[in-house]
Amino acid sequence: MRIVLLGPPGVGKGSLAAMCESRLSMRHVSTGEIFRQEIARGTLLGRRVQRFVSSGRLVPDALVVQVMAAQVRRLAGRGFVLDGFPRTAGQARGLDHVLRRLRRPLDTALYLTSPVSTLVRRLGGRRVCPRCGAIYHARNKPPRRAGRCDRCGARLTVRKDDRPATIRKRLAVDRKQVRPLLTYYRAQGLLEVVSGRGSVTASFARLARRLRRIGRRRGPRRAS
């Protein structure tokens, strides 16, 4: 299947996408990871992305689509789950254009939900290694040595974005910004809402059940 995984910060998109890859044989495609790879390799697209990232500006929709289109084309014959893309209705239209040309339309857009209090608790416990980028959680994924990165030993930090007041503001902005994207997929009959409550294992079980129902509903042609 070809799916888009949507949801607010802290809802568990990355973890669930990784489980889709390991358990459902879908390729997990992370926008952030793709951007980092392009920048590290010094490609033309990577240099263009870097100019926006380094100045704190949003990467334009057209450039995001261009970067991701190359990845999608490589996976045209496989199932995949897109994590972090699309973020806007413009990016969604660009993705649809690419998939239509490949004759491999999107199967569904899954939107994960969770109470704001849960999201604040999850994001507020996040700890980040400033040296290697490893991510931990004070309760759900603590480092072996308190306050230190398992990989490189650097002291872990709390990002400004992960403080409670800032988190609530981020979530409010996200709810507003995502509406046009959800409207776009709802109008196509592709939007499915899945609860992200509880553990990542429980969320994945709900997601997998929903995907099975979608696969049966759309038939063999769309379930590849």
Protein backbone atom coordinates (compact mmCIF):
# COMPACT_ATOMS: atom_id res chain seq x y z
CA MET A 1 0.00 0.00 0.00
CA ARG A 2 0.97 3.62 -0.48
CA ILE A 3 0.02 5.74 2.50
CA VAL A 4 0.60 9.16 4.01
CA LEU A 5 0.90 9.34 7.80
CA LEU A 6 -0.30 12.62 9.32
CA GLY A 7 -0.73 13.91 12.85
CA PRO A 8 0.41 16.49 15.39
CA PRO A 9 3.90 16.57 16.92
CA GLY A 10 4.31 13.86 19.55
CA VAL A 11 1.58 11.56 18.25
CA GLY A 12 4.13 8.91 17.23
CA LYS A 13 4.28 9.15 13.44
CA GLY A 14 7.95 8.21 13.20
CA SER A 15 7.65 5.18 15.48
CA LEU A 16 4.53 3.93 13.71
CA ALA A 17 6.05 4.44 10.27
CA ALA A 18 9.08 2.41 11.38
CA MET A 19 6.77 -0.38 12.55
CA CYS A 20 4.97 -0.32 9.20
CA GLU A 21 8.35 -0.89 7.57
CA SER A 22 9.42 -3.74 9.86
CA ARG A 23 6.05 -5.51 10.16
CA LEU A 24 4.15 -4.65 6.98
CA SER A 25 7.06 -4.51 4.51
CA MET A 26 6.40 -0.88 3.62
CA ARG A 27 9.30 1.44 2.99
CA HIS A 28 9.43 4.20 5.61
CA VAL A 29 10.21 7.50 3.89
CA SER A 30 11.00 10.34 6.30
CA THR A 31 11.13 13.85 4.88
CA GLY A 32 13.59 15.01 7.52
CA GLU A 33 15.91 12.07 6.89
CA ILE A 34 15.79 12.57 3.11
CA PHE A 35 16.63 16.25 3.51
CA ARG A 36 19.55 15.44 5.81
CA GLN A 37 20.89 12.90 3.31
CA GLU A 38 20.65 15.33 0.39
CA ILE A 39 22.40 18.04 2.41
CA ALA A 40 25.13 15.65 3.62
CA ARG A 41 25.77 14.41 0.06
CA GLY A 42 26.04 17.97 -1.20
CA THR A 43 23.63 17.40 -4.08
CA LEU A 44 22.14 20.31 -5.99
CA LEU A 45 18.80 19.75 -4.28
CA GLY A 46 20.56 19.42 -0.92
CA ARG A 47 22.34 22.75 -1.37
CA ARG A 48 19.06 24.43 -2.29
CA VAL A 49 17.36 22.96 0.80
CA GLN A 50 20.29 23.98 3.01
CA ARG A 51 19.92 27.64 2.05
CA PHE A 52 16.40 27.67 3.45
CA VAL A 53 17.09 25.51 6.50
CA SER A 54 20.18 27.46 7.60
CA SER A 55 18.28 30.75 7.45
CA GLY A 56 15.27 29.38 9.37
CA ARG A 57 12.92 29.71 6.41
CA LEU A 58 10.36 27.14 5.31
CA VAL A 59 11.41 25.07 2.33
CA PRO A 60 9.02 26.02 -0.54
CA ASP A 61 6.40 23.45 -1.52
CA ALA A 62 7.79 23.10 -5.04
CA LEU A 63 11.26 22.21 -3.74
CA VAL A 64 9.90 19.78 -1.13
CA VAL A 65 7.89 18.01 -3.83
CA GLN A 66 10.92 17.89 -6.11
CA VAL A 67 13.06 16.23 -3.43
CA MET A 68 10.37 13.75 -2.41
CA ALA A 69 9.30 12.95 -5.98
CA ALA A 70 12.70 11.41 -6.64
CA GLN A 71 12.24 9.09 -3.65
CA VAL A 72 8.69 8.16 -4.61
CA ARG A 73 9.72 7.28 -8.16
CA ARG A 74 12.31 4.83 -6.83
CA LEU A 75 9.57 3.14 -4.77
CA ALA A 76 6.87 3.17 -7.45
CA GLY A 77 6.55 -0.60 -7.45
CA ARG A 78 6.61 -0.98 -3.66
CA GLY A 79 4.41 -0.06 -0.75
CA PHE A 80 5.55 2.95 1.27
CA VAL A 81 4.55 5.15 4.18
CA LEU A 82 5.39 8.85 3.95
CA ASP A 83 6.27 10.46 7.30
CA GLY A 84 6.45 14.27 7.40
CA PHE A 85 5.23 14.77 3.86
CA PRO A 86 3.03 16.28 2.62
CA ARG A 87 2.59 19.14 5.09
CA THR A 88 0.45 21.41 2.94
CA ALA A 89 -2.33 21.01 0.39
CA GLY A 90 0.10 22.30 -2.24
CA GLN A 91 2.55 19.51 -1.43
CA ALA A 92 -0.32 17.00 -1.51
CA ARG A 93 -1.30 18.13 -4.99
CA GLY A 94 2.32 17.82 -6.09
CA LEU A 95 2.52 14.28 -4.70
CA ASP A 96 -0.70 13.31 -6.46
CA HIS A 97 0.67 14.63 -9.75
CA VAL A 98 3.77 12.44 -9.41
CA LEU A 99 1.76 9.34 -8.44
CA ARG A 100 -0.73 9.82 -11.27
CA ARG A 101 2.11 9.88 -13.78
CA LEU A 102 3.40 6.64 -12.28
CA ARG A 103 -0.14 5.18 -12.29
CA ARG A 104 0.34 4.35 -8.61
CA PRO A 105 -2.26 6.42 -6.73
CA LEU A 106 -2.24 6.95 -2.99
CA ASP A 107 -4.26 4.40 -1.02
CA THR A 108 -5.00 6.48 2.06
CA ALA A 109 -4.03 9.41 4.27
CA LEU A 110 -4.08 8.37 7.93
CA TYR A 111 -4.45 11.14 10.51
CA LEU A 112 -3.40 10.16 14.03
CA THR A 113 -5.07 11.88 16.98
CA SER A 114 -4.26 12.13 20.69
CA PRO A 115 -5.36 14.38 23.60
CA VAL A 116 -3.35 17.59 23.96
CA SER A 117 -2.38 16.65 27.53
CA THR A 118 -0.86 13.39 26.26
CA LEU A 119 1.06 15.16 23.50
CA VAL A 120 2.43 17.72 25.95
CA ARG A 121 3.59 14.95 28.28
CA ARG A 122 5.23 13.01 25.46
CA LEU A 123 7.01 16.00 23.94
CA GLY A 124 7.97 17.48 27.31
CA GLY A 125 9.87 14.32 28.22
CA ARG A 126 11.98 14.35 25.07
CA ARG A 127 15.74 14.67 25.47
CA VAL A 128 18.05 15.30 22.52
CA CYS A 129 21.75 14.76 21.99
CA PRO A 130 23.21 18.00 20.58
CA ARG A 131 26.20 16.12 19.16
CA CYS A 132 24.79 13.13 17.24
CA GLY A 133 21.06 13.92 17.17
CA ALA A 134 19.90 10.82 19.08
CA ILE A 135 16.49 11.25 20.74
CA TYR A 136 15.41 9.86 24.12
CA HIS A 137 12.44 10.22 26.44
CA ALA A 138 12.63 10.66 30.20
CA ARG A 139 10.08 7.86 30.78
CA ASN A 140 9.48 5.99 27.54
CA LYS A 141 13.04 5.73 26.24
CA PRO A 142 15.57 6.82 28.88
CA PRO A 143 19.32 6.60 28.21
CA ARG A 144 21.27 3.89 30.02
CA ARG A 145 23.19 6.57 31.91
CA ALA A 146 21.00 9.39 33.21
CA GLY A 147 21.44 12.58 31.22
CA ARG A 148 24.02 11.12 28.82
CA CYS A 149 23.72 9.91 25.23
CA ASP A 150 24.16 6.15 24.76
CA ARG A 151 25.86 6.69 21.39
CA CYS A 152 28.43 9.38 22.04
CA GLY A 153 28.26 10.22 25.74
CA ALA A 154 27.30 13.88 25.25
CA ARG A 155 25.04 15.56 27.82
CA LEU A 156 21.40 15.49 26.71
CA THR A 157 19.42 18.70 26.42
CA VAL A 158 15.80 19.85 26.41
CA ARG A 159 14.94 21.85 23.31
CA LYS A 160 13.10 25.14 23.76
CA ASP A 161 10.37 23.67 21.56
CA ASP A 162 9.84 20.92 24.13
CA ARG A 163 8.86 23.16 27.05
CA PRO A 164 5.12 22.88 28.00
CA ALA A 165 4.02 26.43 27.12
CA THR A 166 5.83 26.28 23.79
CA ILE A 167 4.43 22.83 23.06
CA ARG A 168 0.84 24.00 23.50
CA LYS A 169 1.46 26.90 21.12
CA ARG A 170 3.02 24.54 18.57
CA LEU A 171 0.03 22.21 18.78
CA ALA A 172 -2.43 25.07 18.30
CA VAL A 173 -0.52 26.27 15.24
CA ASP A 174 -0.37 22.73 13.87
CA ARG A 175 -4.14 22.25 14.21
CA LYS A 176 -4.73 25.42 12.23
CA GLN A 177 -2.16 24.68 9.55
CA VAL A 178 -3.25 21.08 8.94
CA ARG A 179 -6.91 21.88 8.22
CA PRO A 180 -6.49 22.60 4.48
CA LEU A 181 -4.50 19.37 4.08
CA LEU A 182 -7.16 17.30 5.85
CA THR A 183 -9.86 18.99 3.79
CA TYR A 184 -7.96 18.10 0.61
CA TYR A 185 -7.73 14.40 1.47
CA ARG A 186 -11.27 14.26 2.85
CA ALA A 187 -12.62 15.61 -0.44
CA GLN A 188 -10.90 12.73 -2.23
CA GLY A 189 -12.32 10.14 0.13
CA LEU A 190 -8.82 9.19 1.30
CA LEU A 191 -8.78 10.58 4.85
CA GLU A 192 -8.92 8.08 7.72
CA VAL A 193 -8.70 9.12 11.39
CA VAL A 194 -6.95 6.72 13.79
CA SER A 195 -6.52 7.13 17.54
CA GLY A 196 -2.94 7.49 18.73
CA ARG A 197 -3.87 6.98 22.40
CA GLY A 198 -1.92 4.63 24.60
CA SER A 199 1.27 2.80 23.72
CA VAL A 200 2.82 2.75 20.28
CA THR A 201 2.00 -0.98 20.13
CA ALA A 202 -1.70 -0.29 20.72
CA SER A 203 -1.66 2.53 18.15
CA PHE A 204 0.00 0.28 15.60
CA ALA A 205 -2.60 -2.45 16.14
CA ARG A 206 -5.38 0.05 15.38
CA LEU A 207 -3.50 1.37 12.36
CA ALA A 208 -2.87 -2.12 10.98
CA ARG A 209 -6.54 -3.06 11.35
CA ARG A 210 -7.56 0.07 9.49
CA LEU A 211 -5.12 -0.66 6.68
CA ARG A 212 -6.48 -4.18 6.31
CA ARG A 213 -10.01 -2.82 5.96
CA ILE A 214 -8.86 -0.25 3.41
CA GLY A 215 -7.05 -2.96 1.47
CA ARG A 216 -10.16 -5.13 1.33
CA ARG A 217 -12.32 -2.17 0.35
CA ARG A 218 -10.04 -0.99 -2.46
CA GLY A 219 -9.29 -4.45 -3.79
CA PRO A 220 -6.09 -6.12 -5.13
CA ARG A 221 -5.29 -3.37 -7.63
CA ARG A 222 -4.85 -0.73 -4.92
CA ALA A 223 -3.42 -2.93 -2.18
CA SER A 224 -0.01 -3.46 -3.78
